[in-house]
């Protein structure tokens, strides 16, 4: 293999049909885990705000 044929980044060439890491769909369980964590953060924020006497509405 000459220097011309090697990828410059040192990585193996990517399959053209591979959409790449950021475009692959997440598994369903991961999506629900993200939604659950986001909901827990929102609820915790509301509880902390109310306990500090912040008027939310």
C-alpha atoms as a PDB file:
ATOM      1  CA  UNK A   1       0.000   0.000   0.000  1.00  0.00           C
ATOM      2  CA  UNK A   2       1.520   3.299  -0.955  1.00  0.00           C
ATOM      3  CA  UNK A   3       1.143   6.512   1.011  1.00  0.00           C
ATOM      4  CA  UNK A   4      -1.481   7.704  -1.499  1.00  0.00           C
ATOM      5  CA  UNK A   5      -3.868   4.859  -0.655  1.00  0.00           C
ATOM      6  CA  UNK A   6      -3.787   5.217   3.137  1.00  0.00           C
ATOM      7  CA  UNK A   7      -6.443   7.396   4.773  1.00  0.00           C
ATOM      8  CA  UNK A   8      -4.890  10.598   6.156  1.00  0.00           C
ATOM      9  CA  UNK A   9      -6.651  10.339   9.522  1.00  0.00           C
ATOM     10  CA  UNK A  10      -5.291   6.846  10.223  1.00  0.00           C
ATOM     11  CA  UNK A  11      -8.827   5.409  10.462  1.00  0.00           C
ATOM     12  CA  UNK A  12     -10.196   2.610   8.345  1.00  0.00           C
ATOM     13  CA  UNK A  13     -12.284   3.848   5.411  1.00  0.00           C
ATOM     14  CA  UNK A  14     -15.981   4.081   6.261  1.00  0.00           C
ATOM     15  CA  UNK A  15     -18.565   2.041   4.422  1.00  0.00           C
ATOM     16  CA  UNK A  16     -20.599   4.451   2.225  1.00  0.00           C
ATOM     17  CA  UNK A  17     -23.852   2.882   3.446  1.00  0.00           C
ATOM     18  CA  UNK A  18     -22.953   3.575   7.094  1.00  0.00           C
ATOM     19  CA  UNK A  19     -24.740   6.806   8.116  1.00  0.00           C
ATOM     20  CA  UNK A  20     -22.190   7.591  10.825  1.00  0.00           C
ATOM     21  CA  UNK A  21     -22.486   7.669  14.604  1.00  0.00           C
ATOM     22  CA  UNK A  22     -24.591  10.840  14.913  1.00  0.00           C
ATOM     23  CA  UNK A  23     -27.151   9.744  12.311  1.00  0.00           C
ATOM     24  CA  UNK A  24     -27.817   6.244  13.611  1.00  0.00           C
ATOM     25  CA  UNK A  25     -31.188   5.958  15.395  1.00  0.00           C
ATOM     26  CA  UNK A  26     -31.018   5.384  19.140  1.00  0.00           C
ATOM     27  CA  UNK A  27     -32.484   2.202  20.604  1.00  0.00           C
ATOM     28  CA  UNK A  28     -35.937   2.632  22.107  1.00  0.00           C
ATOM     29  CA  UNK A  29     -34.684   1.983  25.637  1.00  0.00           C
ATOM     30  CA  UNK A  30     -32.120   4.756  25.347  1.00  0.00           C
ATOM     31  CA  UNK A  31     -34.764   7.224  24.160  1.00  0.00           C
ATOM     32  CA  UNK A  32     -37.030   6.402  27.115  1.00  0.00           C
ATOM     33  CA  UNK A  33     -34.071   6.656  29.510  1.00  0.00           C
ATOM     34  CA  UNK A  34     -33.251  10.147  28.193  1.00  0.00           C
ATOM     35  CA  UNK A  35     -36.908  11.194  28.524  1.00  0.00           C
ATOM     36  CA  UNK A  36     -37.029   9.793  32.074  1.00  0.00           C
ATOM     37  CA  UNK A  37     -33.859  11.589  33.149  1.00  0.00           C
ATOM     38  CA  UNK A  38     -35.099  14.858  31.626  1.00  0.00           C
ATOM     39  CA  UNK A  39     -38.448  14.513  33.432  1.00  0.00           C
ATOM     40  CA  UNK A  40     -36.681  13.793  36.739  1.00  0.00           C
ATOM     41  CA  UNK A  41     -34.507  16.900  36.320  1.00  0.00           C
ATOM     42  CA  UNK A  42     -37.558  19.067  35.604  1.00  0.00           C
ATOM     43  CA  UNK A  43     -39.482  17.691  38.595  1.00  0.00           C
ATOM     44  CA  UNK A  44     -36.446  18.117  40.875  1.00  0.00           C
ATOM     45  CA  UNK A  45     -36.060  21.700  39.661  1.00  0.00           C
ATOM     46  CA  UNK A  46     -39.701  22.464  40.413  1.00  0.00           C
ATOM     47  CA  UNK A  47     -39.461  20.916  43.883  1.00  0.00           C
ATOM     48  CA  UNK A  48     -36.273  22.837  44.717  1.00  0.00           C
ATOM     49  CA  UNK A  49     -37.753  26.075  43.371  1.00  0.00           C
ATOM     50  CA  UNK A  50     -40.919  25.664  45.436  1.00  0.00           C
ATOM     51  CA  UNK A  51     -38.933  24.771  48.545  1.00  0.00           C
ATOM     52  CA  UNK A  52     -36.911  27.967  48.117  1.00  0.00           C
ATOM     53  CA  UNK A  53     -40.114  29.985  47.893  1.00  0.00           C
ATOM     54  CA  UNK A  54     -39.900  30.831  44.181  1.00  0.00           C
ATOM     55  CA  UNK A  55     -43.281  31.603  42.630  1.00  0.00           C
ATOM     56  CA  UNK A  56     -43.376  29.636  39.364  1.00  0.00           C
ATOM     57  CA  UNK A  57     -46.779  30.758  38.063  1.00  0.00           C
END
